[in-house]
Amino acid sequence: MYGLVPPPIAGILLIVAAGEGFKQTLVDTGIGQVVADFVASGILAPLVRDLSTGETSLLVLAIGAGFWLVKEYFSLTVGQNIKTWSLMETIISVSGLVFLLLLRLVI
C-alpha cells in the first residue's frame, strides 16, 4: 500500500511545487520580465503585456504544467510526450495557417 498520496499524483505535486520555486526565482531575479518581453507572442502577447511578472510566470508554468499533466495521465515517457506534443503542435499550426489563408480569401 502506498502512503497518503498515490505515486502518479505525487509526481505532479512535486513538479508543481518545483514550478512554484522556479517562478519565484524568475520573479526575484527579474528574468521573468525579460522572458515576457522576448518570448510573448501570438494570441498571448496582448495578455502578457498587462500581466505582472509573477502572473506572467504563472502563465508560463500553467502552459508547461499541461505538458507534465498529459505525460503523467497517459503514463508516457518524456520522449513520447515530446513526440506527441510536437506532432500535435505541428497539426494545430498547419491547420491554423491553412484556415487563416482560406479565411483571408473571404475577408
PDB file of N, CA and C in Angstrom:
ATOM      1  N   MET A   1       0.857  -1.178   0.000  1.00  0.00           N
ATOM      2  CA  MET A   1       0.000   0.000   0.000  1.00  0.00           C
ATOM      3  C   MET A   1       0.898   1.234   0.000  1.00  0.00           C
ATOM      4  N   TYR A   2       0.463   2.224  -0.725  1.00  0.00           N
ATOM      5  CA  TYR A   2       1.210   3.472  -0.813  1.00  0.00           C
ATOM      6  C   TYR A   2       0.894   4.368   0.376  1.00  0.00           C
ATOM      7  N   GLY A   3       1.650   5.431   0.473  1.00  0.00           N
ATOM      8  CA  GLY A   3       1.419   6.408   1.532  1.00  0.00           C
ATOM      9  C   GLY A   3       0.130   7.174   1.300  1.00  0.00           C
ATOM     10  N   LEU A   4       0.099   8.380   1.748  1.00  0.00           N
ATOM     11  CA  LEU A   4      -1.109   9.189   1.637  1.00  0.00           C
ATOM     12  C   LEU A   4      -1.397   9.635   0.212  1.00  0.00           C
ATOM     13  N   VAL A   5      -0.347   9.804  -0.617  1.00  0.00           N
ATOM     14  CA  VAL A   5      -0.520  10.325  -1.968  1.00  0.00           C
ATOM     15  C   VAL A   5      -0.143   9.249  -2.975  1.00  0.00           C
ATOM     16  N   PRO A   6      -1.063   8.887  -3.912  1.00  0.00           N
ATOM     17  CA  PRO A   6      -0.731   7.899  -4.940  1.00  0.00           C
ATOM     18  C   PRO A   6       0.450   8.381  -5.787  1.00  0.00           C
ATOM     19  N   PRO A   7       1.319   7.458  -6.237  1.00  0.00           N
ATOM     20  CA  PRO A   7       2.534   7.834  -6.970  1.00  0.00           C
ATOM     21  C   PRO A   7       2.325   8.768  -8.157  1.00  0.00           C
ATOM     22  N   PRO A   8       1.349   8.557  -9.061  1.00  0.00           N
ATOM     23  CA  PRO A   8       1.218   9.489 -10.192  1.00  0.00           C
ATOM     24  C   PRO A   8       0.916  10.922  -9.741  1.00  0.00           C
ATOM     25  N   ILE A   9       0.102  11.057  -8.724  1.00  0.00           N
ATOM     26  CA  ILE A   9      -0.239  12.385  -8.219  1.00  0.00           C
ATOM     27  C   ILE A   9       0.957  12.996  -7.495  1.00  0.00           C
ATOM     28  N   ALA A  10       1.739  12.171  -6.829  1.00  0.00           N
ATOM     29  CA  ALA A  10       2.919  12.673  -6.125  1.00  0.00           C
ATOM     30  C   ALA A  10       3.885  13.319  -7.100  1.00  0.00           C
ATOM     31  N   GLY A  11       4.060  12.713  -8.276  1.00  0.00           N
ATOM     32  CA  GLY A  11       4.931  13.290  -9.296  1.00  0.00           C
ATOM     33  C   GLY A  11       4.434  14.644  -9.760  1.00  0.00           C
ATOM     34  N   ILE A  12       3.137  14.733  -9.960  1.00  0.00           N
ATOM     35  CA  ILE A  12       2.538  16.000 -10.389  1.00  0.00           C
ATOM     36  C   ILE A  12       2.715  17.065  -9.311  1.00  0.00           C
ATOM     37  N   LEU A  13       2.466  16.689  -8.056  1.00  0.00           N
ATOM     38  CA  LEU A  13       2.621  17.647  -6.956  1.00  0.00           C
ATOM     39  C   LEU A  13       4.072  18.117  -6.833  1.00  0.00           C
ATOM     40  N   LEU A  14       5.002  17.201  -7.025  1.00  0.00           N
ATOM     41  CA  LEU A  14       6.416  17.565  -6.965  1.00  0.00           C
ATOM     42  C   LEU A  14       6.765  18.553  -8.072  1.00  0.00           C
ATOM     43  N   ILE A  15       6.251  18.314  -9.266  1.00  0.00           N
ATOM     44  CA  ILE A  15       6.520  19.206 -10.396  1.00  0.00           C
ATOM     45  C   ILE A  15       5.903  20.580 -10.159  1.00  0.00           C
ATOM     46  N   VAL A  16       4.680  20.615  -9.649  1.00  0.00           N
ATOM     47  CA  VAL A  16       4.018  21.895  -9.376  1.00  0.00           C
ATOM     48  C   VAL A  16       4.784  22.669  -8.304  1.00  0.00           C
ATOM     49  N   ALA A  17       5.229  21.976  -7.251  1.00  0.00           N
ATOM     50  CA  ALA A  17       5.991  22.641  -6.189  1.00  0.00           C
ATOM     51  C   ALA A  17       7.316  23.169  -6.729  1.00  0.00           C
ATOM     52  N   ALA A  18       7.988  22.386  -7.567  1.00  0.00           N
ATOM     53  CA  ALA A  18       9.240  22.844  -8.160  1.00  0.00           C
ATOM     54  C   ALA A  18       8.978  24.038  -9.068  1.00  0.00           C
ATOM     55  N   GLY A  19       7.862  24.010  -9.768  1.00  0.00           N
ATOM     56  CA  GLY A  19       7.496  25.128 -10.635  1.00  0.00           C
ATOM     57  C   GLY A  19       7.282  26.409  -9.856  1.00  0.00           C
ATOM     58  N   GLU A  20       6.697  26.289  -8.679  1.00  0.00           N
ATOM     59  CA  GLU A  20       6.488  27.466  -7.831  1.00  0.00           C
ATOM     60  C   GLU A  20       7.821  28.055  -7.389  1.00  0.00           C
ATOM     61  N   GLY A  21       8.754  27.194  -7.024  1.00  0.00           N
ATOM     62  CA  GLY A  21      10.086  27.666  -6.658  1.00  0.00           C
ATOM     63  C   GLY A  21      10.787  28.331  -7.831  1.00  0.00           C
ATOM     64  N   PHE A  22      10.634  27.733  -9.019  1.00  0.00           N
ATOM     65  CA  PHE A  22      11.222  28.302 -10.227  1.00  0.00           C
ATOM     66  C   PHE A  22      10.592  29.659 -10.548  1.00  0.00           C
ATOM     67  N   LYS A  23       9.269  29.742 -10.373  1.00  0.00           N
ATOM     68  CA  LYS A  23       8.576  31.012 -10.616  1.00  0.00           C
ATOM     69  C   LYS A  23       9.132  32.110  -9.720  1.00  0.00           C
ATOM     70  N   GLN A  24       9.325  31.778  -8.448  1.00  0.00           N
ATOM     71  CA  GLN A  24       9.821  32.789  -7.516  1.00  0.00           C
ATOM     72  C   GLN A  24      11.240  33.213  -7.879  1.00  0.00           C
ATOM     73  N   THR A  25      12.037  32.271  -8.371  1.00  0.00           N
ATOM     74  CA  THR A  25      13.386  32.607  -8.833  1.00  0.00           C
ATOM     75  C   THR A  25      13.312  33.580 -10.004  1.00  0.00           C
ATOM     76  N   LEU A  26      12.394  33.314 -10.938  1.00  0.00           N
ATOM     77  CA  LEU A  26      12.218  34.217 -12.081  1.00  0.00           C
ATOM     78  C   LEU A  26      11.785  35.609 -11.640  1.00  0.00           C
ATOM     79  N   VAL A  27      10.889  35.659 -10.666  1.00  0.00           N
ATOM     80  CA  VAL A  27      10.403  36.942 -10.172  1.00  0.00           C
ATOM     81  C   VAL A  27      11.515  37.695  -9.444  1.00  0.00           C
ATOM     82  N   ASP A  28      12.217  37.025  -8.553  1.00  0.00           N
ATOM     83  CA  ASP A  28      13.250  37.677  -7.740  1.00  0.00           C
ATOM     84  C   ASP A  28      14.429  38.178  -8.573  1.00  0.00           C
ATOM     85  N   THR A  29      14.795  37.450  -9.610  1.00  0.00           N
ATOM     86  CA  THR A  29      15.939  37.854 -10.431  1.00  0.00           C
ATOM     87  C   THR A  29      15.560  38.826 -11.535  1.00  0.00           C
ATOM     88  N   GLY A  30      14.263  38.972 -11.809  1.00  0.00           N
ATOM     89  CA  GLY A  30      13.826  39.866 -12.885  1.00  0.00           C
ATOM     90  C   GLY A  30      13.855  39.217 -14.254  1.00  0.00           C
ATOM     91  N   ILE A  31      14.252  37.952 -14.308  1.00  0.00           N
ATOM     92  CA  ILE A  31      14.311  37.263 -15.603  1.00  0.00           C
ATOM     93  C   ILE A  31      12.907  37.040 -16.161  1.00  0.00           C
ATOM     94  N   GLY A  32      11.922  36.945 -15.282  1.00  0.00           N
ATOM     95  CA  GLY A  32      10.542  36.767 -15.741  1.00  0.00           C
ATOM     96  C   GLY A  32      10.126  37.867 -16.697  1.00  0.00           C
ATOM     97  N   GLN A  33      10.481  39.103 -16.389  1.00  0.00           N
ATOM     98  CA  GLN A  33      10.124  40.224 -17.258  1.00  0.00           C
ATOM     99  C   GLN A  33      10.897  40.149 -18.568  1.00  0.00           C
ATOM    100  N   VAL A  34      12.153  39.757 -18.503  1.00  0.00           N
ATOM    101  CA  VAL A  34      12.961  39.610 -19.724  1.00  0.00           C
ATOM    102  C   VAL A  34      12.337  38.548 -20.624  1.00  0.00           C
ATOM    103  N   VAL A  35      11.957  37.418 -20.026  1.00  0.00           N
ATOM    104  CA  VAL A  35      11.312  36.355 -20.796  1.00  0.00           C
ATOM    105  C   VAL A  35       9.994  36.855 -21.381  1.00  0.00           C
ATOM    106  N   ALA A  36       9.229  37.576 -20.594  1.00  0.00           N
ATOM    107  CA  ALA A  36       7.954  38.107 -21.083  1.00  0.00           C
ATOM    108  C   ALA A  36       8.167  39.060 -22.255  1.00  0.00           C
ATOM    109  N   ASP A  37       9.226  39.850 -22.204  1.00  0.00           N
ATOM    110  CA  ASP A  37       9.491  40.804 -23.274  1.00  0.00           C
ATOM    111  C   ASP A  37       9.905  40.122 -24.576  1.00  0.00           C
ATOM    112  N   PHE A  38      10.654  39.026 -24.467  1.00  0.00           N
ATOM    113  CA  PHE A  38      11.187  38.394 -25.674  1.00  0.00           C
ATOM    114  C   PHE A  38      10.381  37.202 -26.161  1.00  0.00           C
ATOM    115  N   VAL A  39       9.685  36.506 -25.286  1.00  0.00           N
ATOM    116  CA  VAL A  39       9.035  35.260 -25.664  1.00  0.00           C
ATOM    117  C   VAL A  39       7.555  35.445 -25.994  1.00  0.00           C
ATOM    118  N   ALA A  40       6.884  36.406 -25.389  1.00  0.00           N
ATOM    119  CA  ALA A  40       5.436  36.581 -25.580  1.00  0.00           C
ATOM    120  C   ALA A  40       5.132  36.802 -27.043  1.00  0.00           C
ATOM    121  N   SER A  41       4.224  36.013 -27.565  1.00  0.00           N
ATOM    122  CA  SER A  41       3.876  36.148 -28.982  1.00  0.00           C
ATOM    123  C   SER A  41       2.455  35.662 -29.223  1.00  0.00           C
ATOM    124  N   GLY A  42       2.001  35.888 -30.444  1.00  0.00           N
ATOM    125  CA  GLY A  42       0.702  35.379 -30.864  1.00  0.00           C
ATOM    126  C   GLY A  42      -0.450  35.948 -30.065  1.00  0.00           C
ATOM    127  N   ILE A  43      -1.365  35.099 -29.749  1.00  0.00           N
ATOM    128  CA  ILE A  43      -2.588  35.494 -29.058  1.00  0.00           C
ATOM    129  C   ILE A  43      -2.288  35.979 -27.641  1.00  0.00           C
ATOM    130  N   LEU A  44      -1.268  35.440 -27.009  1.00  0.00           N
ATOM    131  CA  LEU A  44      -0.978  35.779 -25.625  1.00  0.00           C
ATOM    132  C   LEU A  44      -0.244  37.107 -25.459  1.00  0.00           C
ATOM    133  N   ALA A  45       0.335  37.647 -26.534  1.00  0.00           N
ATOM    134  CA  ALA A  45       1.124  38.881 -26.412  1.00  0.00           C
ATOM    135  C   ALA A  45       0.330  40.022 -25.773  1.00  0.00           C
ATOM    136  N   PRO A  46      -0.890  40.309 -26.234  1.00  0.00           N
ATOM    137  CA  PRO A  46      -1.635  41.402 -25.585  1.00  0.00           C
ATOM    138  C   PRO A  46      -1.939  41.105 -24.116  1.00  0.00           C
ATOM    139  N   LEU A  47      -2.182  39.851 -23.802  1.00  0.00           N
ATOM    140  CA  LEU A  47      -2.478  39.466 -22.427  1.00  0.00           C
ATOM    141  C   LEU A  47      -1.257  39.632 -21.539  1.00  0.00           C
ATOM    142  N   VAL A  48      -0.102  39.208 -22.025  1.00  0.00           N
ATOM    143  CA  VAL A  48       1.108  39.234 -21.220  1.00  0.00           C
ATOM    144  C   VAL A  48       1.540  40.665 -20.913  1.00  0.00           C
ATOM    145  N   ARG A  49       1.286  41.585 -21.825  1.00  0.00           N
ATOM    146  CA  ARG A  49       1.661  42.988 -21.589  1.00  0.00           C
ATOM    147  C   ARG A  49       0.979  43.557 -20.353  1.00  0.00           C
ATOM    148  N   ASP A  50      -0.225  43.082 -20.068  1.00  0.00           N
ATOM    149  CA  ASP A  50      -0.994  43.604 -18.944  1.00  0.00           C
ATOM    150  C   ASP A  50      -0.768  42.828 -17.646  1.00  0.00           C
ATOM    151  N   LEU A  51       0.011  41.762 -17.711  1.00  0.00           N
ATOM    152  CA  LEU A  51       0.250  40.938 -16.523  1.00  0.00           C
ATOM    153  C   LEU A  51       1.498  41.391 -15.780  1.00  0.00           C
ATOM    154  N   SER A  52       1.487  41.160 -14.496  1.00  0.00           N
ATOM    155  CA  SER A  52       2.693  41.418 -13.707  1.00  0.00           C
ATOM    156  C   SER A  52       3.712  40.316 -13.997  1.00  0.00           C
ATOM    157  N   THR A  53       4.913  40.497 -13.515  1.00  0.00           N
ATOM    158  CA  THR A  53       5.949  39.485 -13.717  1.00  0.00           C
ATOM    159  C   THR A  53       5.526  38.149 -13.112  1.00  0.00           C
ATOM    160  N   GLY A  54       4.970  38.200 -11.926  1.00  0.00           N
ATOM    161  CA  GLY A  54       4.508  36.976 -11.286  1.00  0.00           C
ATOM    162  C   GLY A  54       3.405  36.285 -12.058  1.00  0.00           C
ATOM    163  N   GLU A  55       2.449  37.071 -12.554  1.00  0.00           N
ATOM    164  CA  GLU A  55       1.353  36.498 -13.333  1.00  0.00           C
ATOM    165  C   GLU A  55       1.859  35.898 -14.642  1.00  0.00           C
ATOM    166  N   THR A  56       2.842  36.559 -15.262  1.00  0.00           N
ATOM    167  CA  THR A  56       3.433  36.030 -16.490  1.00  0.00           C
ATOM    168  C   THR A  56       4.123  34.702 -16.202  1.00  0.00           C
ATOM    169  N   SER A  57       4.821  34.641 -15.088  1.00  0.00           N
ATOM    170  CA  SER A  57       5.479  33.391 -14.703  1.00  0.00           C
ATOM    171  C   SER A  57       4.453  32.290 -14.482  1.00  0.00           C
ATOM    172  N   LEU A  58       3.344  32.626 -13.848  1.00  0.00           N
ATOM    173  CA  LEU A  58       2.291  31.638 -13.633  1.00  0.00           C
ATOM    174  C   LEU A  58       1.702  31.155 -14.950  1.00  0.00           C
ATOM    175  N   LEU A  59       1.560  32.062 -15.916  1.00  0.00           N
ATOM    176  CA  LEU A  59       1.044  31.678 -17.226  1.00  0.00           C
ATOM    177  C   LEU A  59       1.980  30.685 -17.898  1.00  0.00           C
ATOM    178  N   VAL A  60       3.275  30.970 -17.850  1.00  0.00           N
ATOM    179  CA  VAL A  60       4.260  30.057 -18.434  1.00  0.00           C
ATOM    180  C   VAL A  60       4.219  28.705 -17.728  1.00  0.00           C
ATOM    181  N   LEU A  61       4.113  28.726 -16.418  1.00  0.00           N
ATOM    182  CA  LEU A  61       4.047  27.479 -15.660  1.00  0.00           C
ATOM    183  C   LEU A  61       2.768  26.699 -15.967  1.00  0.00           C
ATOM    184  N   ALA A  62       1.661  27.402 -16.158  1.00  0.00           N
ATOM    185  CA  ALA A  62       0.404  26.725 -16.492  1.00  0.00           C
ATOM    186  C   ALA A  62       0.514  26.011 -17.830  1.00  0.00           C
ATOM    187  N   ILE A  63       1.153  26.664 -18.794  1.00  0.00           N
ATOM    188  CA  ILE A  63       1.332  26.034 -20.103  1.00  0.00           C
ATOM    189  C   ILE A  63       2.230  24.806 -19.958  1.00  0.00           C
ATOM    190  N   GLY A  64       3.322  24.970 -19.222  1.00  0.00           N
ATOM    191  CA  GLY A  64       4.229  23.845 -19.008  1.00  0.00           C
ATOM    192  C   GLY A  64       3.604  22.730 -18.194  1.00  0.00           C
ATOM    193  N   ALA A  65       2.750  23.090 -17.246  1.00  0.00           N
ATOM    194  CA  ALA A  65       2.102  22.077 -16.415  1.00  0.00           C
ATOM    195  C   ALA A  65       1.229  21.166 -17.262  1.00  0.00           C
ATOM    196  N   GLY A  66       0.616  21.717 -18.312  1.00  0.00           N
ATOM    197  CA  GLY A  66      -0.184  20.890 -19.212  1.00  0.00           C
ATOM    198  C   GLY A  66       0.636  19.768 -19.796  1.00  0.00           C
ATOM    199  N   PHE A  67       1.868  20.067 -20.162  1.00  0.00           N
ATOM    200  CA  PHE A  67       2.771  19.055 -20.714  1.00  0.00           C
ATOM    201  C   PHE A  67       2.977  17.917 -19.721  1.00  0.00           C
ATOM    202  N   TRP A  68       3.268  18.278 -18.474  1.00  0.00           N
ATOM    203  CA  TRP A  68       3.558  17.256 -17.472  1.00  0.00           C
ATOM    204  C   TRP A  68       2.305  16.508 -17.046  1.00  0.00           C
ATOM    205  N   LEU A  69       1.167  17.188 -16.992  1.00  0.00           N
ATOM    206  CA  LEU A  69      -0.076  16.504 -16.634  1.00  0.00           C
ATOM    207  C   LEU A  69      -0.443  15.459 -17.679  1.00  0.00           C
ATOM    208  N   VAL A  70      -0.291  15.800 -18.963  1.00  0.00           N
ATOM    209  CA  VAL A  70      -0.579  14.842 -20.034  1.00  0.00           C
ATOM    210  C   VAL A  70       0.382  13.660 -19.932  1.00  0.00           C
ATOM    211  N   LYS A  71       1.653  13.960 -19.689  1.00  0.00           N
ATOM    212  CA  LYS A  71       2.659  12.894 -19.564  1.00  0.00           C
ATOM    213  C   LYS A  71       2.276  11.916 -18.461  1.00  0.00           C
ATOM    214  N   GLU A  72       1.937  12.444 -17.293  1.00  0.00           N
ATOM    215  CA  GLU A  72       1.602  11.581 -16.158  1.00  0.00           C
ATOM    216  C   GLU A  72       0.273  10.858 -16.370  1.00  0.00           C
ATOM    217  N   TYR A  73      -0.710  11.548 -16.900  1.00  0.00           N
ATOM    218  CA  TYR A  73      -2.039  10.961 -17.071  1.00  0.00           C
ATOM    219  C   TYR A  73      -2.007   9.770 -18.018  1.00  0.00           C
ATOM    220  N   PHE A  74      -1.249   9.906 -19.119  1.00  0.00           N
ATOM    221  CA  PHE A  74      -1.177   8.838 -20.111  1.00  0.00           C
ATOM    222  C   PHE A  74       0.017   7.907 -19.894  1.00  0.00           C
ATOM    223  N   SER A  75       0.738   8.083 -18.792  1.00  0.00           N
ATOM    224  CA  SER A  75       1.896   7.251 -18.453  1.00  0.00           C
ATOM    225  C   SER A  75       2.912   7.199 -19.602  1.00  0.00           C
ATOM    226  N   LEU A  76       3.229   8.361 -20.153  1.00  0.00           N
ATOM    227  CA  LEU A  76       4.191   8.460 -21.237  1.00  0.00           C
ATOM    228  C   LEU A  76       5.571   8.778 -20.692  1.00  0.00           C
ATOM    229  N   THR A  77       6.586   8.423 -21.455  1.00  0.00           N
ATOM    230  CA  THR A  77       7.926   8.885 -21.105  1.00  0.00           C
ATOM    231  C   THR A  77       8.048  10.323 -21.601  1.00  0.00           C
ATOM    232  N   VAL A  78       9.088  11.020 -21.166  1.00  0.00           N
ATOM    233  CA  VAL A  78       9.286  12.398 -21.623  1.00  0.00           C
ATOM    234  C   VAL A  78       9.450  12.411 -23.138  1.00  0.00           C
ATOM    235  N   GLY A  79      10.225  11.464 -23.676  1.00  0.00           N
ATOM    236  CA  GLY A  79      10.428  11.383 -25.124  1.00  0.00           C
ATOM    237  C   GLY A  79       9.127  11.165 -25.880  1.00  0.00           C
ATOM    238  N   GLN A  80       8.293  10.265 -25.395  1.00  0.00           N
ATOM    239  CA  GLN A  80       6.997  10.013 -26.034  1.00  0.00           C
ATOM    240  C   GLN A  80       6.120  11.253 -25.984  1.00  0.00           C
ATOM    241  N   ASN A  81       6.151  11.939 -24.852  1.00  0.00           N
ATOM    242  CA  ASN A  81       5.324  13.136 -24.708  1.00  0.00           C
ATOM    243  C   ASN A  81       5.797  14.255 -25.636  1.00  0.00           C
ATOM    244  N   ILE A  82       7.111  14.416 -25.769  1.00  0.00           N
ATOM    245  CA  ILE A  82       7.637  15.436 -26.682  1.00  0.00           C
ATOM    246  C   ILE A  82       7.217  15.118 -28.107  1.00  0.00           C
ATOM    247  N   LYS A  83       7.314  13.839 -28.496  1.00  0.00           N
ATOM    248  CA  LYS A  83       6.890  13.449 -29.845  1.00  0.00           C
ATOM    249  C   LYS A  83       5.405  13.725 -30.043  1.00  0.00           C
ATOM    250  N   THR A  84       4.595  13.390 -29.036  1.00  0.00           N
ATOM    251  CA  THR A  84       3.152  13.620 -29.126  1.00  0.00           C
ATOM    252  C   THR A  84       2.850  15.107 -29.249  1.00  0.00           C
ATOM    253  N   TRP A  85       3.471  15.922 -28.397  1.00  0.00           N
ATOM    254  CA  TRP A  85       3.217  17.359 -28.423  1.00  0.00           C
ATOM    255  C   TRP A  85       3.749  17.984 -29.693  1.00  0.00           C
ATOM    256  N   SER A  86       4.895  17.512 -30.187  1.00  0.00           N
ATOM    257  CA  SER A  86       5.450  18.050 -31.432  1.00  0.00           C
ATOM    258  C   SER A  86       4.496  17.790 -32.580  1.00  0.00           C
ATOM    259  N   LEU A  87       3.975  16.559 -32.656  1.00  0.00           N
ATOM    260  CA  LEU A  87       3.016  16.219 -33.708  1.00  0.00           C
ATOM    261  C   LEU A  87       1.744  17.044 -33.551  1.00  0.00           C
ATOM    262  N   MET A  88       1.241  17.131 -32.325  1.00  0.00           N
ATOM    263  CA  MET A  88       0.016  17.888 -32.074  1.00  0.00           C
ATOM    264  C   MET A  88       0.185  19.357 -32.450  1.00  0.00           C
ATOM    265  N   GLU A  89       1.283  19.966 -32.022  1.00  0.00           N
ATOM    266  CA  GLU A  89       1.512  21.384 -32.318  1.00  0.00           C
ATOM    267  C   GLU A  89       1.705  21.623 -33.816  1.00  0.00           C
ATOM    268  N   THR A  90       2.338  20.669 -34.500  1.00  0.00           N
ATOM    269  CA  THR A  90       2.507  20.795 -35.950  1.00  0.00           C
ATOM    270  C   THR A  90       1.151  20.761 -36.642  1.00  0.00           C
ATOM    271  N   ILE A  91       0.317  19.825 -36.244  1.00  0.00           N
ATOM    272  CA  ILE A  91      -1.027  19.723 -36.843  1.00  0.00           C
ATOM    273  C   ILE A  91      -1.833  20.991 -36.568  1.00  0.00           C
ATOM    274  N   ILE A  92      -1.789  21.477 -35.341  1.00  0.00           N
ATOM    275  CA  ILE A  92      -2.528  22.695 -34.992  1.00  0.00           C
ATOM    276  C   ILE A  92      -1.999  23.888 -35.780  1.00  0.00           C
ATOM    277  N   SER A  93      -0.687  24.011 -35.892  1.00  0.00           N
ATOM    278  CA  SER A  93      -0.087  25.146 -36.599  1.00  0.00           C
ATOM    279  C   SER A  93      -0.430  25.125 -38.086  1.00  0.00           C
ATOM    280  N   VAL A  94      -0.258  23.979 -38.712  1.00  0.00           N
ATOM    281  CA  VAL A  94      -0.535  23.878 -40.157  1.00  0.00           C
ATOM    282  C   VAL A  94      -2.028  24.063 -40.416  1.00  0.00           C
ATOM    283  N   SER A  95      -2.860  23.442 -39.610  1.00  0.00           N
ATOM    284  CA  SER A  95      -4.316  23.597 -39.786  1.00  0.00           C
ATOM    285  C   SER A  95      -4.726  25.055 -39.604  1.00  0.00           C
ATOM    286  N   GLY A  96      -4.179  25.703 -38.583  1.00  0.00           N
ATOM    287  CA  GLY A  96      -4.494  27.115 -38.349  1.00  0.00           C
ATOM    288  C   GLY A  96      -4.053  27.991 -39.500  1.00  0.00           C
ATOM    289  N   LEU A  97      -2.848  27.727 -40.028  1.00  0.00           N
ATOM    290  CA  LEU A  97      -2.348  28.511 -41.157  1.00  0.00           C
ATOM    291  C   LEU A  97      -3.240  28.334 -42.379  1.00  0.00           C
ATOM    292  N   VAL A  98      -3.587  27.092 -42.700  1.00  0.00           N
ATOM    293  CA  VAL A  98      -4.456  26.828 -43.857  1.00  0.00           C
ATOM    294  C   VAL A  98      -5.809  27.504 -43.659  1.00  0.00           C
ATOM    295  N   PHE A  99      -6.382  27.376 -42.469  1.00  0.00           N
ATOM    296  CA  PHE A  99      -7.672  28.000 -42.187  1.00  0.00           C
ATOM    297  C   PHE A  99      -7.608  29.521 -42.345  1.00  0.00           C
ATOM    298  N   LEU A 100      -6.559  30.129 -41.802  1.00  0.00           N
ATOM    299  CA  LEU A 100      -6.428  31.586 -41.904  1.00  0.00           C
ATOM    300  C   LEU A 100      -6.199  32.044 -43.344  1.00  0.00           C
ATOM    301  N   LEU A 101      -5.445  31.270 -44.129  1.00  0.00           N
ATOM    302  CA  LEU A 101      -5.252  31.621 -45.536  1.00  0.00           C
ATOM    303  C   LEU A 101      -6.565  31.529 -46.312  1.00  0.00           C
ATOM    304  N   LEU A 102      -7.369  30.508 -46.002  1.00  0.00           N
ATOM    305  CA  LEU A 102      -8.682  30.388 -46.630  1.00  0.00           C
ATOM    306  C   LEU A 102      -9.605  31.510 -46.176  1.00  0.00           C
ATOM    307  N   LEU A 103      -9.550  31.833 -44.899  1.00  0.00           N
ATOM    308  CA  LEU A 103     -10.365  32.927 -44.367  1.00  0.00           C
ATOM    309  C   LEU A 103      -9.975  34.256 -44.983  1.00  0.00           C
ATOM    310  N   ARG A 104      -8.701  34.416 -45.291  1.00  0.00           N
ATOM    311  CA  ARG A 104      -8.216  35.645 -45.917  1.00  0.00           C
ATOM    312  C   ARG A 104      -8.835  35.844 -47.290  1.00  0.00           C
ATOM    313  N   LEU A 105      -9.122  34.767 -47.992  1.00  0.00           N
ATOM    314  CA  LEU A 105      -9.762  34.856 -49.302  1.00  0.00           C
ATOM    315  C   LEU A 105     -11.186  35.396 -49.192  1.00  0.00           C
ATOM    316  N   VAL A 106     -11.829  35.117 -48.076  1.00  0.00           N
ATOM    317  CA  VAL A 106     -13.208  35.546 -47.878  1.00  0.00           C
ATOM    318  C   VAL A 106     -13.291  36.973 -47.369  1.00  0.00           C
ATOM    319  N   ILE A 107     -12.368  37.360 -46.516  1.00  0.00           N
ATOM    320  CA  ILE A 107     -12.428  38.684 -45.884  1.00  0.00           C
ATOM    321  C   ILE A 107     -11.725  39.709 -46.729  1.00  0.00           C
TER     322      ILE A 107
END
